[in-house]
Amino acid sequence: ENCFISACKDKTLRLWSINSNGDGTAKQYCQFCYQRHKKSVFSVVYIESMRLVASCDSTVHVWDPYTGVAVSQLE
């Protein structure tokens, strides 16, 4: 599946899916919105080997982008 994650000043992260329409165009939609940050999110990384996301707003959140479950939070 083709997807990307956006980090926002509104304290959220969004997992976007991109699907080809087969005619050279694509449709994108927000598959999930992570809303547990307390400040603007300034960094996000996908940890491919663990299939997890780490995001930071001064606190690091580690979470599963497929279920939305928070795995860890580091102050």
Protein backbone atom coordinates (compact mmCIF):
# COMPACT_ATOMS: atom_id res chain seq x y z
CA GLU A 1 0.00 0.00 0.00
CA ASN A 2 1.25 3.49 -0.82
CA CYS A 3 0.97 5.89 2.09
CA PHE A 4 2.65 8.77 3.92
CA ILE A 5 2.35 10.45 7.32
CA SER A 6 1.98 14.19 7.85
CA ALA A 7 2.85 16.04 11.08
CA CYS A 8 0.89 19.19 11.89
CA LYS A 9 0.89 22.26 14.09
CA ASP A 10 -2.62 21.27 15.18
CA LYS A 11 -1.05 18.50 17.36
CA THR A 12 -2.07 15.68 15.03
CA LEU A 13 -0.47 13.21 12.66
CA ARG A 14 -2.35 11.79 9.73
CA LEU A 15 -1.74 8.56 7.85
CA TRP A 16 -2.67 9.15 4.21
CA SER A 17 -3.33 6.37 1.70
CA ILE A 18 -2.80 6.89 -2.01
CA ASN A 19 -4.61 4.71 -4.54
CA SER A 20 -4.06 4.81 -8.29
CA ASN A 21 -7.19 5.26 -10.38
CA GLY A 22 -5.48 3.46 -13.28
CA ASP A 23 -5.72 6.49 -15.57
CA GLY A 24 -2.67 8.43 -14.38
CA THR A 25 -4.54 10.06 -11.51
CA ALA A 26 -4.67 9.05 -7.86
CA LYS A 27 -7.06 9.35 -4.95
CA GLN A 28 -5.73 10.10 -1.48
CA TYR A 29 -7.60 9.90 1.81
CA CYS A 30 -6.84 10.13 5.50
CA GLN A 31 -6.81 6.59 6.84
CA PHE A 32 -6.07 7.49 10.49
CA CYS A 33 -5.52 10.56 12.66
CA TYR A 34 -3.29 10.28 15.77
CA GLN A 35 -4.37 12.92 18.33
CA ARG A 36 -2.39 12.25 21.51
CA HIS A 37 0.23 15.00 21.25
CA LYS A 38 -0.09 18.06 23.52
CA LYS A 39 1.99 20.43 21.35
CA SER A 40 2.68 20.97 17.66
CA VAL A 41 4.32 17.90 16.13
CA PHE A 42 7.65 18.79 14.53
CA SER A 43 9.10 15.40 13.65
CA VAL A 44 7.85 12.00 12.51
CA VAL A 45 9.62 8.87 11.29
CA TYR A 46 8.45 5.42 10.19
CA ILE A 47 10.49 2.60 11.75
CA GLU A 48 10.20 0.06 8.95
CA SER A 49 11.84 -2.86 10.77
CA MET A 50 9.26 -2.61 13.58
CA ARG A 51 6.35 -1.25 11.51
CA LEU A 52 5.91 1.57 14.05
CA VAL A 53 5.91 5.37 13.95
CA ALA A 54 7.84 7.69 16.27
CA SER A 55 6.66 11.29 16.50
CA CYS A 56 7.83 14.20 18.63
CA ASP A 57 6.38 17.38 20.10
CA SER A 58 9.05 17.54 22.88
CA THR A 59 7.74 14.15 24.01
CA VAL A 60 8.39 11.13 21.80
CA HIS A 61 5.37 8.97 21.03
CA VAL A 62 5.83 5.52 19.51
CA TRP A 63 2.66 4.09 17.98
CA ASP A 64 1.28 1.58 15.53
CA PRO A 65 0.04 3.39 12.40
CA TYR A 66 -2.17 0.46 11.40
CA THR A 67 -4.12 0.19 14.67
CA GLY A 68 -3.51 3.61 16.25
CA VAL A 69 -2.35 1.97 19.48
CA ALA A 70 0.28 3.90 21.45
CA VAL A 71 3.22 1.62 22.26
CA SER A 72 5.41 3.96 24.30
CA GLN A 73 5.82 7.58 25.37
CA LEU A 74 9.20 9.08 26.30
CA GLU A 75 9.32 12.34 28.25
